[in-house]
Amino acid sequence: MKKQFYWLFLFFTLFTLSSLQAGERKNDHRNEPSVLTGAQERVLWVKYLWKISYPVIHNLAEGTLRQNMPVELSPTYELDAEKVTYLEAVGRTLAGVAPWLALPDDDTEEGKLRKQLREEVLKGLKNAVDPASPDRLNFTEHAQPIVDAAYLVHAFLRAPEALWAPLDDTTQKRYIEVFKVLRDRTGAYNNWLLFTGLTEAFLLQQGEKPDPFRIRIAKNKVKEWYVGDGWYSDGSKFSMDYYNAYVMHPMMVEMLETLLPSGQASQEEYQEALKRMIRHAEYSERIISPEGHYPAFGRSVTYRTAAFQSLADVALREKLPAYILPAQVREALTAVHRNMYEGNQNFDKNGWLVLGFNGHQPECADVYTSTGSLYMATLSFLPLGLPADNPFWTDPAADWTTKKAWSGQTLRKDYKVEY
């Protein structure tokens, strides 16, 4: 057994995690305590994040991602999966694991796993732009790489000292060049503007000359598309889906924050966007049912728990409103994660995510959805970037809003905001 799989096996054994059979559904948690401590919940979060991300990260490090990753397509798929799905898997996975990998090394079991994963990520990042690697990723053909290069950029911005600074000069230069190459094409006139804007902001941060138009249009159009009370329209027409969490809020805030030192964004613009994301995070917390379920509406529901990226991002930034306790967000997201990832219904026999919302449901996948697309699911795990002694993990359990509402507890009224 390879060393990597030995550590995975040891981790699950040490924490008495259930042995899971392929295809088996185990979402009732009857063998687990009804109330877990924050430390126990953190163990579960690490388990689930590892379960989702390890196949992508390990295979990229070994140069076997193309060889081993299955490519399942939506029944109505319209893209060239061979050209886009692998970058999707890598960029989206790393955007979610980056804050956790940014934590310093320690001698805990979690720390050992984190160090191992970080080392494999760095090895894989080199392979991803190495012309001699069988897993060299495509940045030069098709529009879709505009999207997933931005998720990779988001990973670099979320963990610069862990994922960007350790890369050798040649690898860094290769990334700079492939990000510049993306300028030879355009995509949709909606949330896609933020992908180009975020990438250009990163290039500016790295001392490169950015495309000022791409930054300006991303910043200004998204501001124009704000419809109020924590919601952006995704383009000129509003869509009731999870794209405010998948893209709009987290990338708008990250882009403006990255632009601050250069003066291409003002502190007022950044603070306004941050307040809007905080308001959206309130909605995200409120849609989690007392049982830890949430509605499957709108396009791209196969991105699963990425629906909670704005909530997770606000928690990571420690910007939750005073009336939303970190522990209630922890409890709510733990319930969602347990429902979604404790069983194997969302994984194939080799541990890869399958098309669906909660199970193999390819009929609900969109025309742009393939296996690689699904790894946006990691984006709900951002609070793992908070250390284990942070109040998010150490405070006593607290009920989330709908659990309070449906059990007759004191319930805070909710009103729209004007910013």
Protein backbone atom coordinates (compact mmCIF):
# COMPACT_ATOMS: atom_id res chain seq x y z
CA MET A 1 0.00 0.00 0.00
CA LYS A 2 1.39 3.40 -0.95
CA LYS A 3 2.38 5.76 1.82
CA GLN A 4 -0.37 8.22 0.93
CA PHE A 5 -3.10 5.62 1.25
CA TYR A 6 -1.56 4.39 4.50
CA TRP A 7 -1.95 7.83 6.05
CA LEU A 8 -5.53 8.07 4.81
CA PHE A 9 -6.33 4.67 6.29
CA LEU A 10 -4.64 5.55 9.57
CA PHE A 11 -6.52 8.83 9.83
CA PHE A 12 -9.88 7.19 9.41
CA THR A 13 -8.97 4.43 11.86
CA LEU A 14 -7.69 6.73 14.60
CA PHE A 15 -10.89 8.72 14.61
CA THR A 16 -13.18 5.66 14.38
CA LEU A 17 -14.76 6.84 11.19
CA SER A 18 -17.19 4.47 9.54
CA SER A 19 -16.11 2.04 6.85
CA LEU A 20 -17.97 3.03 3.72
CA GLN A 21 -19.00 0.70 0.91
CA ALA A 22 -19.36 1.99 -2.64
CA GLY A 23 -22.88 3.09 -3.38
CA GLU A 24 -24.02 2.73 0.22
CA ARG A 25 -26.20 5.47 1.73
CA LYS A 26 -25.52 6.32 5.36
CA ASN A 27 -26.93 9.70 6.18
CA ASP A 28 -28.75 8.97 9.44
CA HIS A 29 -25.59 9.09 11.59
CA ARG A 30 -27.12 6.65 14.11
CA ASN A 31 -23.71 5.42 15.20
CA GLU A 32 -22.44 8.92 15.97
CA PRO A 33 -23.12 11.14 19.00
CA SER A 34 -26.11 13.43 18.44
CA VAL A 35 -24.07 16.42 19.63
CA LEU A 36 -20.42 16.66 18.67
CA THR A 37 -17.81 19.00 20.04
CA GLY A 38 -16.26 21.55 17.73
CA ALA A 39 -13.07 19.48 17.72
CA GLN A 40 -14.99 16.38 16.65
CA GLU A 41 -16.76 18.36 13.94
CA ARG A 42 -13.43 19.63 12.65
CA VAL A 43 -12.31 16.01 12.31
CA LEU A 44 -15.38 15.35 10.16
CA TRP A 45 -14.73 18.42 8.01
CA VAL A 46 -11.15 17.30 7.38
CA LYS A 47 -12.38 13.81 6.58
CA TYR A 48 -14.89 15.08 4.02
CA LEU A 49 -12.55 17.61 2.42
CA TRP A 50 -9.88 14.94 2.11
CA LYS A 51 -12.39 12.49 0.67
CA ILE A 52 -13.42 14.97 -2.03
CA SER A 53 -10.07 16.50 -2.89
CA TYR A 54 -7.51 13.71 -2.51
CA PRO A 55 -8.18 11.88 -5.80
CA VAL A 56 -7.66 15.09 -7.78
CA ILE A 57 -4.62 16.30 -5.85
CA HIS A 58 -2.86 12.94 -5.59
CA ASN A 59 -3.31 12.02 -9.23
CA LEU A 60 -2.12 15.42 -10.45
CA ALA A 61 0.97 15.03 -8.27
CA GLU A 62 1.61 11.57 -9.70
CA GLY A 63 0.97 12.60 -13.31
CA THR A 64 -2.03 10.26 -13.53
CA LEU A 65 -4.99 12.67 -13.46
CA ARG A 66 -5.87 12.17 -17.13
CA GLN A 67 -5.26 8.45 -16.78
CA ASN A 68 -7.40 7.87 -13.70
CA MET A 69 -10.07 10.56 -13.49
CA PRO A 70 -13.34 9.37 -15.03
CA VAL A 71 -15.02 11.84 -17.34
CA GLU A 72 -18.78 11.65 -16.95
CA LEU A 73 -20.77 14.11 -19.03
CA SER A 74 -24.17 15.70 -18.70
CA PRO A 75 -26.63 14.08 -21.14
CA THR A 76 -26.80 17.48 -22.87
CA TYR A 77 -23.08 18.32 -22.66
CA GLU A 78 -21.84 20.86 -25.21
CA LEU A 79 -18.13 21.44 -24.47
CA ASP A 80 -14.92 19.58 -25.28
CA ALA A 81 -14.45 17.73 -21.99
CA GLU A 82 -10.97 16.48 -22.77
CA LYS A 83 -9.81 20.09 -23.10
CA VAL A 84 -11.53 21.55 -20.04
CA THR A 85 -12.54 19.05 -17.37
CA TYR A 86 -9.10 18.52 -15.81
CA LEU A 87 -8.44 22.21 -15.23
CA GLU A 88 -11.94 22.45 -13.79
CA ALA A 89 -11.15 19.72 -11.28
CA VAL A 90 -7.82 21.24 -10.27
CA GLY A 91 -8.81 24.91 -10.04
CA ARG A 92 -12.04 24.29 -8.17
CA THR A 93 -10.51 21.80 -5.76
CA LEU A 94 -7.63 24.08 -4.83
CA ALA A 95 -9.84 27.15 -4.35
CA GLY A 96 -11.56 25.29 -1.52
CA VAL A 97 -8.59 23.57 0.13
CA ALA A 98 -6.26 26.59 -0.03
CA PRO A 99 -7.13 28.20 3.33
CA TRP A 100 -6.65 24.90 5.15
CA LEU A 101 -3.29 24.33 3.47
CA ALA A 102 -2.23 27.84 4.50
CA LEU A 103 -2.20 26.86 8.18
CA PRO A 104 1.26 26.24 9.68
CA ASP A 105 2.59 22.73 10.15
CA ASP A 106 2.08 20.97 13.46
CA ASP A 107 2.48 17.45 14.85
CA THR A 108 -1.21 16.61 15.09
CA GLU A 109 -2.74 13.96 12.86
CA GLU A 110 -4.54 16.72 11.01
CA GLY A 111 -1.30 18.64 10.65
CA LYS A 112 0.45 15.62 9.14
CA LEU A 113 -2.35 15.16 6.63
CA ARG A 114 -2.33 18.85 5.78
CA LYS A 115 1.42 18.84 5.19
CA GLN A 116 1.17 15.77 3.00
CA LEU A 117 -1.60 17.29 0.93
CA ARG A 118 0.23 20.61 0.57
CA GLU A 119 3.34 18.84 -0.68
CA GLU A 120 1.29 16.92 -3.23
CA VAL A 121 -0.47 20.12 -4.34
CA LEU A 122 2.86 21.85 -4.96
CA LYS A 123 4.12 18.87 -6.92
CA GLY A 124 0.89 18.81 -8.93
CA LEU A 125 0.98 22.55 -9.61
CA LYS A 126 4.36 22.11 -11.23
CA ASN A 127 3.05 19.24 -13.36
CA ALA A 128 0.03 21.28 -14.44
CA VAL A 129 2.16 23.72 -16.48
CA ASP A 130 5.11 21.50 -17.34
CA PRO A 131 5.19 20.85 -21.12
CA ALA A 132 6.68 17.41 -20.44
CA SER A 133 3.94 16.34 -18.02
CA PRO A 134 1.13 14.03 -19.14
CA ASP A 135 -1.12 16.17 -16.96
CA ARG A 136 -0.25 19.53 -18.42
CA LEU A 137 -3.49 21.49 -18.24
CA ASN A 138 -5.08 23.34 -21.13
CA PHE A 139 -5.23 27.12 -20.85
CA THR A 140 -4.94 27.95 -24.54
CA GLU A 141 -8.03 26.43 -26.19
CA HIS A 142 -11.72 27.15 -25.60
CA ALA A 143 -13.35 29.73 -23.36
CA GLN A 144 -13.92 27.52 -20.33
CA PRO A 145 -10.32 27.85 -19.03
CA ILE A 146 -11.12 31.51 -18.31
CA VAL A 147 -13.39 30.22 -15.54
CA ASP A 148 -11.15 27.66 -13.97
CA ALA A 149 -7.93 29.64 -14.22
CA ALA A 150 -9.75 32.15 -12.01
CA TYR A 151 -10.49 29.47 -9.41
CA LEU A 152 -6.81 28.55 -9.48
CA VAL A 153 -5.95 32.22 -9.04
CA HIS A 154 -8.37 32.33 -6.12
CA ALA A 155 -6.41 29.49 -4.52
CA PHE A 156 -3.15 31.42 -4.95
CA LEU A 157 -4.73 34.52 -3.41
CA ARG A 158 -6.18 32.58 -0.50
CA ALA A 159 -2.89 30.87 0.33
CA PRO A 160 -0.05 32.86 -1.24
CA GLU A 161 2.66 31.72 1.17
CA ALA A 162 1.61 28.07 0.99
CA LEU A 163 0.77 27.63 -2.70
CA TRP A 164 2.39 30.43 -4.71
CA ALA A 165 5.60 31.48 -2.99
CA PRO A 166 7.05 27.93 -2.79
CA LEU A 167 6.75 27.41 -6.56
CA ASP A 168 10.05 27.68 -8.43
CA ASP A 169 10.62 30.66 -10.71
CA THR A 170 10.06 28.67 -13.88
CA THR A 171 6.69 27.37 -12.70
CA GLN A 172 5.56 30.80 -11.56
CA LYS A 173 6.52 32.29 -14.93
CA ARG A 174 4.61 29.57 -16.72
CA TYR A 175 1.48 30.41 -14.74
CA ILE A 176 1.89 34.12 -15.47
CA GLU A 177 2.15 33.35 -19.18
CA VAL A 178 -0.86 31.04 -19.34
CA PHE A 179 -2.95 33.58 -17.44
CA LYS A 180 -1.97 36.22 -20.01
CA VAL A 181 -2.87 33.89 -22.87
CA LEU A 182 -6.47 33.90 -21.64
CA ARG A 183 -6.78 37.45 -22.97
CA ASP A 184 -7.16 36.17 -26.54
CA ARG A 185 -10.80 35.13 -25.94
CA THR A 186 -13.93 36.17 -24.10
CA GLY A 187 -16.82 34.42 -22.41
CA ALA A 188 -20.34 35.14 -21.25
CA TYR A 189 -21.44 38.63 -20.25
CA ASN A 190 -22.36 37.75 -16.69
CA ASN A 191 -20.40 36.33 -13.73
CA TRP A 192 -17.63 35.52 -16.22
CA LEU A 193 -16.50 39.15 -16.02
CA LEU A 194 -15.28 38.42 -12.50
CA PHE A 195 -13.11 35.55 -13.72
CA THR A 196 -11.16 37.83 -16.01
CA GLY A 197 -11.15 40.63 -13.45
CA LEU A 198 -9.76 38.42 -10.69
CA THR A 199 -7.05 36.99 -12.94
CA GLU A 200 -5.99 40.46 -14.07
CA ALA A 201 -5.91 41.64 -10.45
CA PHE A 202 -3.57 38.76 -9.63
CA LEU A 203 -1.31 39.62 -12.56
CA LEU A 204 -1.16 43.20 -11.33
CA GLN A 205 -0.27 41.97 -7.85
CA GLN A 206 2.59 39.97 -9.34
CA GLY A 207 4.07 43.04 -10.99
CA GLU A 208 2.68 42.38 -14.45
CA LYS A 209 0.94 44.95 -16.62
CA PRO A 210 -2.77 44.12 -16.41
CA ASP A 211 -5.55 44.69 -18.91
CA PRO A 212 -7.23 47.71 -17.29
CA PHE A 213 -10.43 47.30 -19.30
CA ARG A 214 -11.03 43.79 -17.97
CA ILE A 215 -10.59 45.04 -14.42
CA ARG A 216 -12.79 48.09 -14.94
CA ILE A 217 -15.65 46.29 -16.62
CA ALA A 218 -15.64 43.52 -14.04
CA LYS A 219 -15.76 46.01 -11.18
CA ASN A 220 -18.26 48.42 -12.67
CA LYS A 221 -20.72 46.01 -14.28
CA VAL A 222 -20.99 43.82 -11.21
CA LYS A 223 -21.69 46.93 -9.13
CA GLU A 224 -24.39 47.88 -11.63
CA TRP A 225 -25.88 44.40 -11.37
CA TYR A 226 -26.43 44.67 -7.63
CA VAL A 227 -30.19 44.48 -7.12
CA GLY A 228 -30.23 44.99 -3.36
CA ASP A 229 -30.45 43.21 -0.03
CA GLY A 230 -27.38 41.07 -0.62
CA TRP A 231 -28.17 39.87 -4.15
CA TYR A 232 -26.52 40.49 -7.51
CA SER A 233 -28.15 39.85 -10.83
CA ASP A 234 -25.98 37.48 -12.83
CA GLY A 235 -25.92 39.64 -15.93
CA SER A 236 -28.77 41.88 -17.04
CA LYS A 237 -31.49 39.47 -15.90
CA PHE A 238 -31.84 38.06 -12.42
CA SER A 239 -31.66 34.29 -11.94
CA MET A 240 -32.69 32.56 -8.72
CA ASP A 241 -29.77 30.20 -8.26
CA TYR A 242 -26.58 29.86 -6.23
CA TYR A 243 -24.25 31.89 -8.43
CA ASN A 244 -24.12 34.68 -5.86
CA ALA A 245 -22.28 32.11 -3.71
CA TYR A 246 -20.48 30.19 -6.46
CA VAL A 247 -18.91 33.32 -7.95
CA MET A 248 -20.37 36.79 -7.45
CA HIS A 249 -19.70 37.69 -3.82
CA PRO A 250 -16.46 35.81 -3.08
CA MET A 251 -14.72 36.81 -6.31
CA MET A 252 -15.93 40.42 -6.21
CA VAL A 253 -14.62 40.84 -2.66
CA GLU A 254 -11.33 39.06 -3.46
CA MET A 255 -10.80 41.09 -6.62
CA LEU A 256 -11.38 44.43 -4.87
CA GLU A 257 -9.19 43.41 -1.93
CA THR A 258 -6.39 42.47 -4.32
CA LEU A 259 -6.73 45.80 -6.14
CA LEU A 260 -6.57 47.93 -2.98
CA PRO A 261 -2.75 48.32 -2.77
CA SER A 262 -2.56 49.56 -6.37
CA GLY A 263 -5.34 52.10 -5.88
CA GLN A 264 -7.47 50.52 -8.60
CA ALA A 265 -10.16 49.87 -6.00
CA SER A 266 -11.05 52.09 -3.08
CA GLN A 267 -11.51 51.07 0.52
CA GLU A 268 -15.15 52.22 0.21
CA GLU A 269 -15.75 49.89 -2.76
CA TYR A 270 -14.20 46.99 -0.93
CA GLN A 271 -16.16 47.60 2.27
CA GLU A 272 -19.41 47.92 0.33
CA ALA A 273 -18.84 44.60 -1.45
CA LEU A 274 -17.88 42.94 1.82
CA LYS A 275 -21.08 44.17 3.54
CA ARG A 276 -23.10 42.81 0.64
CA MET A 277 -21.43 39.42 0.95
CA ILE A 278 -22.11 39.41 4.68
CA ARG A 279 -25.79 40.06 3.98
CA HIS A 280 -25.86 37.22 1.45
CA ALA A 281 -24.22 34.98 4.05
CA GLU A 282 -27.17 35.66 6.34
CA TYR A 283 -29.52 34.28 3.71
CA SER A 284 -27.27 31.29 3.19
CA GLU A 285 -27.38 30.44 6.89
CA ARG A 286 -31.16 30.80 6.95
CA ILE A 287 -31.83 28.36 4.10
CA ILE A 288 -30.30 25.43 5.99
CA SER A 289 -33.20 23.40 7.39
CA PRO A 290 -33.25 22.05 10.95
CA GLU A 291 -32.20 18.69 9.48
CA GLY A 292 -29.26 20.12 7.56
CA HIS A 293 -30.91 20.15 4.14
CA TYR A 294 -31.13 22.97 1.62
CA PRO A 295 -33.19 23.45 -1.58
CA ALA A 296 -31.95 22.23 -4.94
CA PHE A 297 -33.00 25.11 -7.16
CA GLY A 298 -31.46 26.88 -10.14
CA ARG A 299 -28.70 25.84 -12.47
CA SER A 300 -25.50 24.08 -11.42
CA VAL A 301 -26.92 22.32 -8.35
CA THR A 302 -24.35 19.61 -9.07
CA TYR A 303 -21.80 21.95 -7.45
CA ARG A 304 -23.38 20.77 -4.22
CA THR A 305 -22.13 22.56 -1.11
CA ALA A 306 -20.43 25.34 -3.07
CA ALA A 307 -23.84 26.93 -2.49
CA PHE A 308 -22.41 28.02 0.87
CA GLN A 309 -19.19 29.65 -0.31
CA SER A 310 -20.25 33.18 0.68
CA LEU A 311 -21.21 31.99 4.18
CA ALA A 312 -17.97 30.02 4.47
CA ASP A 313 -15.93 32.97 3.21
CA VAL A 314 -17.50 35.38 5.70
CA ALA A 315 -16.85 32.89 8.51
CA LEU A 316 -13.23 32.48 7.41
CA ARG A 317 -12.80 36.26 7.42
CA GLU A 318 -14.38 36.38 10.90
CA LYS A 319 -16.92 38.94 9.67
CA LEU A 320 -20.15 37.24 10.74
CA PRO A 321 -22.73 39.64 12.21
CA ALA A 322 -22.80 39.63 16.01
CA TYR A 323 -26.19 37.91 16.00
CA ILE A 324 -24.89 34.96 13.95
CA LEU A 325 -22.59 32.98 16.21
CA PRO A 326 -19.62 31.23 14.62
CA ALA A 327 -20.73 28.03 16.37
CA GLN A 328 -24.18 28.13 14.76
CA VAL A 329 -22.57 28.39 11.32
CA ARG A 330 -20.27 25.50 12.24
CA GLU A 331 -23.24 23.41 13.37
CA ALA A 332 -25.32 24.24 10.31
CA LEU A 333 -22.56 23.46 7.83
CA THR A 334 -21.61 20.31 9.71
CA ALA A 335 -25.18 19.09 9.32
CA VAL A 336 -25.11 19.85 5.60
CA HIS A 337 -21.72 18.18 5.14
CA ARG A 338 -22.80 15.06 7.01
CA ASN A 339 -25.92 14.71 4.89
CA MET A 340 -23.99 15.20 1.68
CA TYR A 341 -20.67 13.43 2.26
CA GLU A 342 -20.96 10.89 5.08
CA GLY A 343 -22.30 8.26 2.72
CA ASN A 344 -20.90 7.26 -0.65
CA GLN A 345 -23.93 8.23 -2.72
CA ASN A 346 -22.02 11.12 -4.26
CA PHE A 347 -18.88 9.13 -5.11
CA ASP A 348 -18.06 6.32 -7.50
CA LYS A 349 -16.28 3.13 -6.44
CA ASN A 350 -12.89 4.85 -6.78
CA GLY A 351 -13.85 7.93 -4.79
CA TRP A 352 -14.54 10.40 -7.61
CA LEU A 353 -17.57 12.66 -7.46
CA VAL A 354 -20.52 11.68 -9.64
CA LEU A 355 -22.96 13.91 -11.51
CA GLY A 356 -25.89 14.84 -9.30
CA PHE A 357 -27.07 16.84 -6.31
CA ASN A 358 -27.25 14.14 -3.65
CA GLY A 359 -26.65 10.91 -5.50
CA HIS A 360 -26.03 9.94 -9.10
CA GLN A 361 -28.52 12.21 -10.86
CA PRO A 362 -27.01 13.06 -14.26
CA GLU A 363 -30.36 14.33 -15.51
CA CYS A 364 -29.96 17.48 -13.37
CA ALA A 365 -26.51 18.32 -14.78
CA ASP A 366 -26.15 21.29 -17.14
CA VAL A 367 -24.79 21.50 -20.67
CA TYR A 368 -21.38 22.56 -19.31
CA THR A 369 -21.13 19.98 -16.52
CA SER A 370 -18.62 17.13 -16.48
CA THR A 371 -16.78 15.35 -13.68
CA GLY A 372 -14.23 18.13 -13.22
CA SER A 373 -16.98 20.71 -12.77
CA LEU A 374 -18.16 19.06 -9.56
CA TYR A 375 -15.10 19.90 -7.49
CA MET A 376 -16.45 23.33 -6.65
CA ALA A 377 -17.96 21.39 -3.73
CA THR A 378 -14.78 22.11 -1.73
CA LEU A 379 -15.75 25.79 -1.42
CA SER A 380 -17.95 25.20 1.63
CA PHE A 381 -14.90 24.08 3.65
CA LEU A 382 -13.13 27.46 3.78
CA PRO A 383 -13.47 27.78 7.60
CA LEU A 384 -10.94 24.97 7.96
CA GLY A 385 -8.49 27.80 7.35
CA LEU A 386 -9.30 28.99 10.86
CA PRO A 387 -6.98 27.28 13.37
CA ALA A 388 -8.36 24.61 15.67
CA ASP A 389 -8.26 26.97 18.67
CA ASN A 390 -10.41 29.61 16.93
CA PRO A 391 -13.85 30.24 18.50
CA PHE A 392 -15.44 28.90 15.32
CA TRP A 393 -14.22 25.47 16.46
CA THR A 394 -14.05 25.84 20.25
CA ASP A 395 -17.32 27.59 21.13
CA PRO A 396 -20.12 25.34 22.43
CA ALA A 397 -22.71 24.13 19.96
CA ALA A 398 -25.42 26.63 19.00
CA ASP A 399 -28.59 26.11 16.99
CA TRP A 400 -28.82 27.80 13.61
CA THR A 401 -31.70 30.03 12.57
CA THR A 402 -34.20 27.54 11.15
CA LYS A 403 -33.55 25.13 13.99
CA LYS A 404 -34.47 27.92 16.41
CA ALA A 405 -37.49 28.87 14.32
CA TRP A 406 -38.97 25.38 14.12
CA SER A 407 -38.38 24.57 17.79
CA GLY A 408 -40.04 27.67 19.18
CA GLN A 409 -36.88 29.38 20.37
CA THR A 410 -36.29 33.12 20.33
CA LEU A 411 -36.07 34.19 16.71
CA ARG A 412 -34.46 37.36 15.42
CA LYS A 413 -36.54 39.29 12.92
CA ASP A 414 -35.05 39.74 9.46
CA TYR A 415 -35.32 42.89 7.38
CA LYS A 416 -33.77 44.06 4.13
CA VAL A 417 -30.66 46.24 4.16
CA GLU A 418 -30.10 49.30 2.02
CA TYR A 419 -26.43 48.92 1.03
